[in-house]
Structures are given as C-alpha cells and as structure tokens.
Amino acid sequence: LTAIGLSSDAFSVAICKGLSIRRLNFIQAGIIALFFGG
C-alpha cells in the first residue's frame, strides 16, 4: 500500500507520457517504467 501511494506520482507522469507518444510499443513503455521504478 505504501508503494502504491509513493508510485502515484510516477503513474500520473507515465499517463502523460502515454498521451504524447503517437506510436507506442512495449520497449518504450518498458524503458519509461524502468526509469521510474528504478
């Protein structure tokens, strides 16, 4: 639960990233998630 709370900022920014990527693929999503998760 604490991790979910802390990750909400990253989740919000990831949503914005998804909004602005015209052609999304798993590699791009994985790199973004790796930065935030790391």
PDB file of all heavy atoms in Angstrom:
ATOM      1  N   LEU A   1       0.823  -1.207   0.000  1.00  0.00           N
ATOM      2  CA  LEU A   1       0.000   0.000   0.000  1.00  0.00           C
ATOM      3  C   LEU A   1       0.860   1.260   0.000  1.00  0.00           C
ATOM      4  O   LEU A   1       0.564   2.234  -0.699  1.00  0.00           O
ATOM      5  CB  LEU A   1      -0.937  -0.004   1.205  1.00  0.00           C
ATOM      6  CG  LEU A   1      -2.119  -0.978   1.154  1.00  0.00           C
ATOM      7  CD1 LEU A   1      -2.871  -0.973   2.473  1.00  0.00           C
ATOM      8  CD2 LEU A   1      -3.059  -0.613   0.011  1.00  0.00           C
ATOM      9  N   THR A   2       1.913   1.245   0.796  1.00  0.00           N
ATOM     10  CA  THR A   2       2.837   2.378   0.807  1.00  0.00           C
ATOM     11  C   THR A   2       3.475   2.568  -0.562  1.00  0.00           C
ATOM     12  O   THR A   2       3.594   3.696  -1.060  1.00  0.00           O
ATOM     13  CB  THR A   2       3.934   2.165   1.865  1.00  0.00           C
ATOM     14  OG1 THR A   2       3.336   2.022   3.151  1.00  0.00           O
ATOM     15  CG2 THR A   2       4.901   3.347   1.888  1.00  0.00           C
ATOM     16  N   ALA A   3       3.870   1.462  -1.185  1.00  0.00           N
ATOM     17  CA  ALA A   3       4.482   1.529  -2.511  1.00  0.00           C
ATOM     18  C   ALA A   3       3.509   2.093  -3.538  1.00  0.00           C
ATOM     19  O   ALA A   3       3.887   2.883  -4.412  1.00  0.00           O
ATOM     20  CB  ALA A   3       4.956   0.139  -2.934  1.00  0.00           C
ATOM     21  N   ILE A   4       2.238   1.700  -3.447  1.00  0.00           N
ATOM     22  CA  ILE A   4       1.227   2.227  -4.365  1.00  0.00           C
ATOM     23  C   ILE A   4       1.082   3.733  -4.181  1.00  0.00           C
ATOM     24  O   ILE A   4       1.014   4.496  -5.157  1.00  0.00           O
ATOM     25  CB  ILE A   4      -0.124   1.520  -4.143  1.00  0.00           C
ATOM     26  CG1 ILE A   4      -0.032   0.059  -4.599  1.00  0.00           C
ATOM     27  CG2 ILE A   4      -1.243   2.232  -4.906  1.00  0.00           C
ATOM     28  CD1 ILE A   4      -1.254  -0.769  -4.252  1.00  0.00           C
ATOM     29  N   GLY A   5       1.046   4.165  -2.927  1.00  0.00           N
ATOM     30  CA  GLY A   5       0.955   5.595  -2.664  1.00  0.00           C
ATOM     31  C   GLY A   5       2.143   6.365  -3.211  1.00  0.00           C
ATOM     32  O   GLY A   5       1.987   7.397  -3.866  1.00  0.00           O
ATOM     33  N   LEU A   6       3.347   5.858  -2.975  1.00  0.00           N
ATOM     34  CA  LEU A   6       4.551   6.524  -3.456  1.00  0.00           C
ATOM     35  C   LEU A   6       4.628   6.539  -4.971  1.00  0.00           C
ATOM     36  O   LEU A   6       5.207   7.454  -5.561  1.00  0.00           O
ATOM     37  CB  LEU A   6       5.792   5.830  -2.885  1.00  0.00           C
ATOM     38  CG  LEU A   6       6.038   5.978  -1.387  1.00  0.00           C
ATOM     39  CD1 LEU A   6       7.198   5.098  -0.951  1.00  0.00           C
ATOM     40  CD2 LEU A   6       6.318   7.433  -1.030  1.00  0.00           C
ATOM     41  N   SER A   7       4.060   5.523  -5.613  1.00  0.00           N
ATOM     42  CA  SER A   7       4.165   5.380  -7.065  1.00  0.00           C
ATOM     43  C   SER A   7       3.115   6.178  -7.820  1.00  0.00           C
ATOM     44  O   SER A   7       3.139   6.197  -9.060  1.00  0.00           O
ATOM     45  CB  SER A   7       4.055   3.896  -7.451  1.00  0.00           C
ATOM     46  OG  SER A   7       5.062   3.130  -6.816  1.00  0.00           O
ATOM     47  N   SER A   8       2.193   6.820  -7.122  1.00  0.00           N
ATOM     48  CA  SER A   8       1.104   7.507  -7.813  1.00  0.00           C
ATOM     49  C   SER A   8       1.609   8.678  -8.650  1.00  0.00           C
ATOM     50  O   SER A   8       1.069   8.959  -9.728  1.00  0.00           O
ATOM     51  CB  SER A   8       0.048   7.980  -6.817  1.00  0.00           C
ATOM     52  OG  SER A   8       0.579   8.940  -5.927  1.00  0.00           O
ATOM     53  N   ASP A   9       2.659   9.368  -8.182  1.00  0.00           N
ATOM     54  CA  ASP A   9       3.237  10.456  -8.977  1.00  0.00           C
ATOM     55  C   ASP A   9       3.806   9.914 -10.285  1.00  0.00           C
ATOM     56  O   ASP A   9       3.586  10.486 -11.360  1.00  0.00           O
ATOM     57  CB  ASP A   9       4.340  11.166  -8.189  1.00  0.00           C
ATOM     58  CG  ASP A   9       3.779  12.171  -7.188  1.00  0.00           C
ATOM     59  OD1 ASP A   9       2.561  12.439  -7.252  1.00  0.00           O
ATOM     60  OD2 ASP A   9       4.545  12.656  -6.346  1.00  0.00           O
ATOM     61  N   ALA A  10       4.561   8.830 -10.171  1.00  0.00           N
ATOM     62  CA  ALA A  10       5.137   8.210 -11.371  1.00  0.00           C
ATOM     63  C   ALA A  10       4.035   7.724 -12.301  1.00  0.00           C
ATOM     64  O   ALA A  10       4.145   7.832 -13.537  1.00  0.00           O
ATOM     65  CB  ALA A  10       6.060   7.057 -10.975  1.00  0.00           C
ATOM     66  N   PHE A  11       2.973   7.182 -11.734  1.00  0.00           N
ATOM     67  CA  PHE A  11       1.841   6.704 -12.527  1.00  0.00           C
ATOM     68  C   PHE A  11       1.215   7.870 -13.300  1.00  0.00           C
ATOM     69  O   PHE A  11       0.908   7.737 -14.501  1.00  0.00           O
ATOM     70  CB  PHE A  11       0.817   6.057 -11.602  1.00  0.00           C
ATOM     71  CG  PHE A  11      -0.414   5.536 -12.293  1.00  0.00           C
ATOM     72  CD1 PHE A  11      -0.345   4.407 -13.096  1.00  0.00           C
ATOM     73  CD2 PHE A  11      -1.629   6.163 -12.129  1.00  0.00           C
ATOM     74  CE1 PHE A  11      -1.474   3.914 -13.734  1.00  0.00           C
ATOM     75  CE2 PHE A  11      -2.774   5.684 -12.751  1.00  0.00           C
ATOM     76  CZ  PHE A  11      -2.692   4.556 -13.562  1.00  0.00           C
ATOM     77  N   SER A  12       1.035   9.002 -12.644  1.00  0.00           N
ATOM     78  CA  SER A  12       0.448  10.175 -13.292  1.00  0.00           C
ATOM     79  C   SER A  12       1.326  10.673 -14.435  1.00  0.00           C
ATOM     80  O   SER A  12       0.833  11.005 -15.518  1.00  0.00           O
ATOM     81  CB  SER A  12       0.237  11.291 -12.267  1.00  0.00           C
ATOM     82  OG  SER A  12      -0.665  10.890 -11.260  1.00  0.00           O
ATOM     83  N   VAL A  13       2.632  10.744 -14.194  1.00  0.00           N
ATOM     84  CA  VAL A  13       3.552  11.201 -15.233  1.00  0.00           C
ATOM     85  C   VAL A  13       3.585  10.197 -16.384  1.00  0.00           C
ATOM     86  O   VAL A  13       3.656  10.582 -17.560  1.00  0.00           O
ATOM     87  CB  VAL A  13       4.960  11.419 -14.658  1.00  0.00           C
ATOM     88  CG1 VAL A  13       5.955  11.743 -15.772  1.00  0.00           C
ATOM     89  CG2 VAL A  13       4.945  12.543 -13.630  1.00  0.00           C
ATOM     90  N   ALA A  14       3.521   8.905 -16.062  1.00  0.00           N
ATOM     91  CA  ALA A  14       3.502   7.882 -17.106  1.00  0.00           C
ATOM     92  C   ALA A  14       2.258   8.025 -17.988  1.00  0.00           C
ATOM     93  O   ALA A  14       2.328   7.805 -19.207  1.00  0.00           O
ATOM     94  CB  ALA A  14       3.550   6.492 -16.478  1.00  0.00           C
ATOM     95  N   ILE A  15       1.136   8.390 -17.388  1.00  0.00           N
ATOM     96  CA  ILE A  15      -0.072   8.636 -18.168  1.00  0.00           C
ATOM     97  C   ILE A  15       0.161   9.776 -19.153  1.00  0.00           C
ATOM     98  O   ILE A  15      -0.214   9.692 -20.338  1.00  0.00           O
ATOM     99  CB  ILE A  15      -1.267   8.951 -17.243  1.00  0.00           C
ATOM    100  CG1 ILE A  15      -1.722   7.684 -16.512  1.00  0.00           C
ATOM    101  CG2 ILE A  15      -2.432   9.547 -18.030  1.00  0.00           C
ATOM    102  CD1 ILE A  15      -2.846   7.911 -15.518  1.00  0.00           C
ATOM    103  N   CYS A  16       0.786  10.850 -18.679  1.00  0.00           N
ATOM    104  CA  CYS A  16       1.089  11.978 -19.561  1.00  0.00           C
ATOM    105  C   CYS A  16       2.035  11.562 -20.686  1.00  0.00           C
ATOM    106  O   CYS A  16       1.896  12.024 -21.830  1.00  0.00           O
ATOM    107  CB  CYS A  16       1.701  13.125 -18.761  1.00  0.00           C
ATOM    108  SG  CYS A  16       0.548  13.904 -17.611  1.00  0.00           S
ATOM    109  N   LYS A  17       2.984  10.717 -20.351  1.00  0.00           N
ATOM    110  CA  LYS A  17       3.886  10.202 -21.374  1.00  0.00           C
ATOM    111  C   LYS A  17       3.104   9.430 -22.426  1.00  0.00           C
ATOM    112  O   LYS A  17       3.311   9.570 -23.634  1.00  0.00           O
ATOM    113  CB  LYS A  17       4.946   9.294 -20.742  1.00  0.00           C
ATOM    114  CG  LYS A  17       6.057  10.020 -20.032  1.00  0.00           C
ATOM    115  CD  LYS A  17       6.926  10.736 -21.024  1.00  0.00           C
ATOM    116  CE  LYS A  17       8.129  11.359 -20.342  1.00  0.00           C
ATOM    117  NZ  LYS A  17       8.935  12.137 -21.303  1.00  0.00           N
ATOM    118  N   GLY A  18       2.208   8.576 -21.976  1.00  0.00           N
ATOM    119  CA  GLY A  18       1.395   7.801 -22.903  1.00  0.00           C
ATOM    120  C   GLY A  18       0.546   8.677 -23.799  1.00  0.00           C
ATOM    121  O   GLY A  18       0.335   8.369 -24.984  1.00  0.00           O
ATOM    122  N   LEU A  19       0.047   9.791 -23.252  1.00  0.00           N
ATOM    123  CA  LEU A  19      -0.762  10.718 -24.037  1.00  0.00           C
ATOM    124  C   LEU A  19       0.022  11.287 -25.218  1.00  0.00           C
ATOM    125  O   LEU A  19      -0.540  11.553 -26.277  1.00  0.00           O
ATOM    126  CB  LEU A  19      -1.231  11.877 -23.149  1.00  0.00           C
ATOM    127  CG  LEU A  19      -2.422  11.625 -22.230  1.00  0.00           C
ATOM    128  CD1 LEU A  19      -2.559  12.768 -21.233  1.00  0.00           C
ATOM    129  CD2 LEU A  19      -3.695  11.490 -23.043  1.00  0.00           C
ATOM    130  N   SER A  20       1.314  11.506 -25.016  1.00  0.00           N
ATOM    131  CA  SER A  20       2.093  12.231 -26.012  1.00  0.00           C
ATOM    132  C   SER A  20       2.886  11.330 -26.960  1.00  0.00           C
ATOM    133  O   SER A  20       3.544  11.819 -27.873  1.00  0.00           O
ATOM    134  CB  SER A  20       3.052  13.192 -25.308  1.00  0.00           C
ATOM    135  OG  SER A  20       3.869  12.487 -24.400  1.00  0.00           O
ATOM    136  N   ILE A  21       2.836  10.031 -26.750  1.00  0.00           N
ATOM    137  CA  ILE A  21       3.531   9.100 -27.643  1.00  0.00           C
ATOM    138  C   ILE A  21       2.564   8.640 -28.724  1.00  0.00           C
ATOM    139  O   ILE A  21       1.534   8.039 -28.436  1.00  0.00           O
ATOM    140  CB  ILE A  21       4.094   7.890 -26.869  1.00  0.00           C
ATOM    141  CG1 ILE A  21       5.167   8.356 -25.894  1.00  0.00           C
ATOM    142  CG2 ILE A  21       4.682   6.876 -27.836  1.00  0.00           C
ATOM    143  CD1 ILE A  21       5.763   7.241 -25.059  1.00  0.00           C
ATOM    144  N   ARG A  22       2.887   8.919 -29.957  1.00  0.00           N
ATOM    145  CA  ARG A  22       1.961   8.634 -31.046  1.00  0.00           C
ATOM    146  C   ARG A  22       1.943   7.159 -31.408  1.00  0.00           C
ATOM    147  O   ARG A  22       0.885   6.596 -31.697  1.00  0.00           O
ATOM    148  CB  ARG A  22       2.340   9.478 -32.267  1.00  0.00           C
ATOM    149  CG  ARG A  22       2.163  10.977 -32.028  1.00  0.00           C
ATOM    150  CD  ARG A  22       2.694  11.796 -33.170  1.00  0.00           C
ATOM    151  NE  ARG A  22       2.573  13.238 -32.883  1.00  0.00           N
ATOM    152  CZ  ARG A  22       3.060  14.188 -33.672  1.00  0.00           C
ATOM    153  NH1 ARG A  22       3.703  13.859 -34.773  1.00  0.00           N
ATOM    154  NH2 ARG A  22       2.910  15.449 -33.345  1.00  0.00           N
ATOM    155  N   ARG A  23       3.084   6.534 -31.436  1.00  0.00           N
ATOM    156  CA  ARG A  23       3.164   5.118 -31.772  1.00  0.00           C
ATOM    157  C   ARG A  23       3.885   4.400 -30.637  1.00  0.00           C
ATOM    158  O   ARG A  23       5.105   4.355 -30.581  1.00  0.00           O
ATOM    159  CB  ARG A  23       3.910   4.905 -33.096  1.00  0.00           C
ATOM    160  CG  ARG A  23       3.166   5.476 -34.296  1.00  0.00           C
ATOM    161  CD  ARG A  23       3.882   5.152 -35.592  1.00  0.00           C
ATOM    162  NE  ARG A  23       3.147   5.663 -36.746  1.00  0.00           N
ATOM    163  CZ  ARG A  23       3.555   5.516 -38.007  1.00  0.00           C
ATOM    164  NH1 ARG A  23       4.700   4.880 -38.266  1.00  0.00           N
ATOM    165  NH2 ARG A  23       2.826   6.009 -38.998  1.00  0.00           N
ATOM    166  N   LEU A  24       3.099   3.841 -29.770  1.00  0.00           N
ATOM    167  CA  LEU A  24       3.638   3.248 -28.547  1.00  0.00           C
ATOM    168  C   LEU A  24       3.960   1.779 -28.764  1.00  0.00           C
ATOM    169  O   LEU A  24       3.232   1.060 -29.444  1.00  0.00           O
ATOM    170  CB  LEU A  24       2.612   3.393 -27.412  1.00  0.00           C
ATOM    171  CG  LEU A  24       3.019   2.857 -26.044  1.00  0.00           C
ATOM    172  CD1 LEU A  24       4.212   3.625 -25.494  1.00  0.00           C
ATOM    173  CD2 LEU A  24       1.843   2.957 -25.076  1.00  0.00           C
ATOM    174  N   ASN A  25       5.077   1.330 -28.152  1.00  0.00           N
ATOM    175  CA  ASN A  25       5.396  -0.094 -28.167  1.00  0.00           C
ATOM    176  C   ASN A  25       5.881  -0.510 -26.780  1.00  0.00           C
ATOM    177  O   ASN A  25       6.113   0.325 -25.902  1.00  0.00           O
ATOM    178  CB  ASN A  25       6.446  -0.418 -29.243  1.00  0.00           C
ATOM    179  CG  ASN A  25       7.741   0.355 -29.056  1.00  0.00           C
ATOM    180  OD1 ASN A  25       8.343   0.352 -27.982  1.00  0.00           O
ATOM    181  ND2 ASN A  25       8.184   1.049 -30.094  1.00  0.00           N
ATOM    182  N   PHE A  26       6.033  -1.808 -26.579  1.00  0.00           N
ATOM    183  CA  PHE A  26       6.386  -2.335 -25.258  1.00  0.00           C
ATOM    184  C   PHE A  26       7.781  -1.905 -24.821  1.00  0.00           C
ATOM    185  O   PHE A  26       8.032  -1.724 -23.627  1.00  0.00           O
ATOM    186  CB  PHE A  26       6.284  -3.861 -25.266  1.00  0.00           C
ATOM    187  CG  PHE A  26       4.875  -4.378 -25.223  1.00  0.00           C
ATOM    188  CD1 PHE A  26       4.229  -4.775 -26.378  1.00  0.00           C
ATOM    189  CD2 PHE A  26       4.182  -4.442 -24.023  1.00  0.00           C
ATOM    190  CE1 PHE A  26       2.922  -5.237 -26.339  1.00  0.00           C
ATOM    191  CE2 PHE A  26       2.878  -4.906 -23.965  1.00  0.00           C
ATOM    192  CZ  PHE A  26       2.248  -5.298 -25.138  1.00  0.00           C
ATOM    193  N   ILE A  27       8.699  -1.736 -25.780  1.00  0.00           N
ATOM    194  CA  ILE A  27      10.060  -1.333 -25.417  1.00  0.00           C
ATOM    195  C   ILE A  27      10.056   0.076 -24.830  1.00  0.00           C
ATOM    196  O   ILE A  27      10.681   0.343 -23.798  1.00  0.00           O
ATOM    197  CB  ILE A  27      10.991  -1.407 -26.647  1.00  0.00           C
ATOM    198  CG1 ILE A  27      11.143  -2.864 -27.110  1.00  0.00           C
ATOM    199  CG2 ILE A  27      12.351  -0.794 -26.324  1.00  0.00           C
ATOM    200  CD1 ILE A  27      11.985  -3.030 -28.342  1.00  0.00           C
ATOM    201  N   GLN A  28       9.325   0.996 -25.479  1.00  0.00           N
ATOM    202  CA  GLN A  28       9.236   2.359 -24.960  1.00  0.00           C
ATOM    203  C   GLN A  28       8.611   2.378 -23.570  1.00  0.00           C
ATOM    204  O   GLN A  28       9.112   3.033 -22.655  1.00  0.00           O
ATOM    205  CB  GLN A  28       8.415   3.226 -25.914  1.00  0.00           C
ATOM    206  CG  GLN A  28       9.095   3.515 -27.239  1.00  0.00           C
ATOM    207  CD  GLN A  28       8.166   4.239 -28.195  1.00  0.00           C
ATOM    208  OE1 GLN A  28       6.976   3.952 -28.247  1.00  0.00           O
ATOM    209  NE2 GLN A  28       8.700   5.170 -28.956  1.00  0.00           N
ATOM    210  N   ALA A  29       7.502   1.663 -23.415  1.00  0.00           N
ATOM    211  CA  ALA A  29       6.836   1.610 -22.110  1.00  0.00           C
ATOM    212  C   ALA A  29       7.756   1.009 -21.054  1.00  0.00           C
ATOM    213  O   ALA A  29       7.782   1.453 -19.906  1.00  0.00           O
ATOM    214  CB  ALA A  29       5.539   0.808 -22.216  1.00  0.00           C
ATOM    215  N   GLY A  30       8.512  -0.026 -21.443  1.00  0.00           N
ATOM    216  CA  GLY A  30       9.430  -0.673 -20.511  1.00  0.00           C
ATOM    217  C   GLY A  30      10.551   0.249 -20.061  1.00  0.00           C
ATOM    218  O   GLY A  30      10.930   0.257 -18.887  1.00  0.00           O
ATOM    219  N   ILE A  31      11.090   1.042 -20.984  1.00  0.00           N
ATOM    220  CA  ILE A  31      12.163   1.975 -20.633  1.00  0.00           C
ATOM    221  C   ILE A  31      11.650   3.045 -19.666  1.00  0.00           C
ATOM    222  O   ILE A  31      12.303   3.366 -18.672  1.00  0.00           O
ATOM    223  CB  ILE A  31      12.743   2.629 -21.902  1.00  0.00           C
ATOM    224  CG1 ILE A  31      13.484   1.577 -22.738  1.00  0.00           C
ATOM    225  CG2 ILE A  31      13.683   3.783 -21.540  1.00  0.00           C
ATOM    226  CD1 ILE A  31      13.958   2.093 -24.086  1.00  0.00           C
ATOM    227  N   ILE A  32      10.466   3.592 -19.958  1.00  0.00           N
ATOM    228  CA  ILE A  32       9.877   4.599 -19.076  1.00  0.00           C
ATOM    229  C   ILE A  32       9.653   4.009 -17.684  1.00  0.00           C
ATOM    230  O   ILE A  32      10.000   4.608 -16.667  1.00  0.00           O
ATOM    231  CB  ILE A  32       8.553   5.117 -19.668  1.00  0.00           C
ATOM    232  CG1 ILE A  32       8.832   5.904 -20.949  1.00  0.00           C
ATOM    233  CG2 ILE A  32       7.814   5.993 -18.660  1.00  0.00           C
ATOM    234  CD1 ILE A  32       7.578   6.259 -21.735  1.00  0.00           C
ATOM    235  N   ALA A  33       9.068   2.811 -17.632  1.00  0.00           N
ATOM    236  CA  ALA A  33       8.788   2.161 -16.354  1.00  0.00           C
ATOM    237  C   ALA A  33      10.069   1.833 -15.605  1.00  0.00           C
ATOM    238  O   ALA A  33      10.114   1.907 -14.370  1.00  0.00           O
ATOM    239  CB  ALA A  33       7.971   0.880 -16.588  1.00  0.00           C
ATOM    240  N   LEU A  34      11.129   1.480 -16.340  1.00  0.00           N
ATOM    241  CA  LEU A  34      12.406   1.156 -15.695  1.00  0.00           C
ATOM    242  C   LEU A  34      13.016   2.384 -15.030  1.00  0.00           C
ATOM    243  O   LEU A  34      13.556   2.292 -13.917  1.00  0.00           O
ATOM    244  CB  LEU A  34      13.377   0.583 -16.734  1.00  0.00           C
ATOM    245  CG  LEU A  34      14.704   0.041 -16.197  1.00  0.00           C
ATOM    246  CD1 LEU A  34      14.455  -1.110 -15.234  1.00  0.00           C
ATOM    247  CD2 LEU A  34      15.605  -0.407 -17.340  1.00  0.00           C
ATOM    248  N   PHE A  35      12.921   3.541 -15.682  1.00  0.00           N
ATOM    249  CA  PHE A  35      13.420   4.776 -15.080  1.00  0.00           C
ATOM    250  C   PHE A  35      12.665   5.072 -13.788  1.00  0.00           C
ATOM    251  O   PHE A  35      13.275   5.302 -12.734  1.00  0.00           O
ATOM    252  CB  PHE A  35      13.270   5.943 -16.056  1.00  0.00           C
ATOM    253  CG  PHE A  35      14.492   6.199 -16.888  1.00  0.00           C
ATOM    254  CD1 PHE A  35      14.708   5.497 -18.062  1.00  0.00           C
ATOM    255  CD2 PHE A  35      15.421   7.143 -16.498  1.00  0.00           C
ATOM    256  CE1 PHE A  35      15.830   5.733 -18.836  1.00  0.00           C
ATOM    257  CE2 PHE A  35      16.558   7.383 -17.263  1.00  0.00           C
ATOM    258  CZ  PHE A  35      16.765   6.679 -18.441  1.00  0.00           C
ATOM    259  N   PHE A  36      11.338   5.069 -13.878  1.00  0.00           N
ATOM    260  CA  PHE A  36      10.537   5.422 -12.715  1.00  0.00           C
ATOM    261  C   PHE A  36      10.674   4.374 -11.601  1.00  0.00           C
ATOM    262  O   PHE A  36      10.847   4.719 -10.429  1.00  0.00           O
ATOM    263  CB  PHE A  36       9.071   5.579 -13.105  1.00  0.00           C
ATOM    264  CG  PHE A  36       8.796   6.807 -13.936  1.00  0.00           C
ATOM    265  CD1 PHE A  36       7.916   6.764 -14.995  1.00  0.00           C
ATOM    266  CD2 PHE A  36       9.426   8.007 -13.652  1.00  0.00           C
ATOM    267  CE1 PHE A  36       7.660   7.903 -15.759  1.00  0.00           C
ATOM    268  CE2 PHE A  36       9.184   9.149 -14.413  1.00  0.00           C
ATOM    269  CZ  PHE A  36       8.298   9.088 -15.466  1.00  0.00           C
ATOM    270  N   GLY A  37      10.580   3.107 -11.961  1.00  0.00           N
ATOM    271  CA  GLY A  37      10.709   2.051 -10.959  1.00  0.00           C
ATOM    272  C   GLY A  37      12.084   2.012 -10.330  1.00  0.00           C
ATOM    273  O   GLY A  37      12.220   1.808  -9.116  1.00  0.00           O
ATOM    274  N   GLY A  38      13.110   2.231 -11.148  1.00  0.00           N
ATOM    275  CA  GLY A  38      14.474   2.208 -10.630  1.00  0.00           C
ATOM    276  C   GLY A  38      14.729   3.290  -9.605  1.00  0.00           C
ATOM    277  O   GLY A  38      15.316   3.046  -8.540  1.00  0.00           O
TER     278      GLY A  38
END
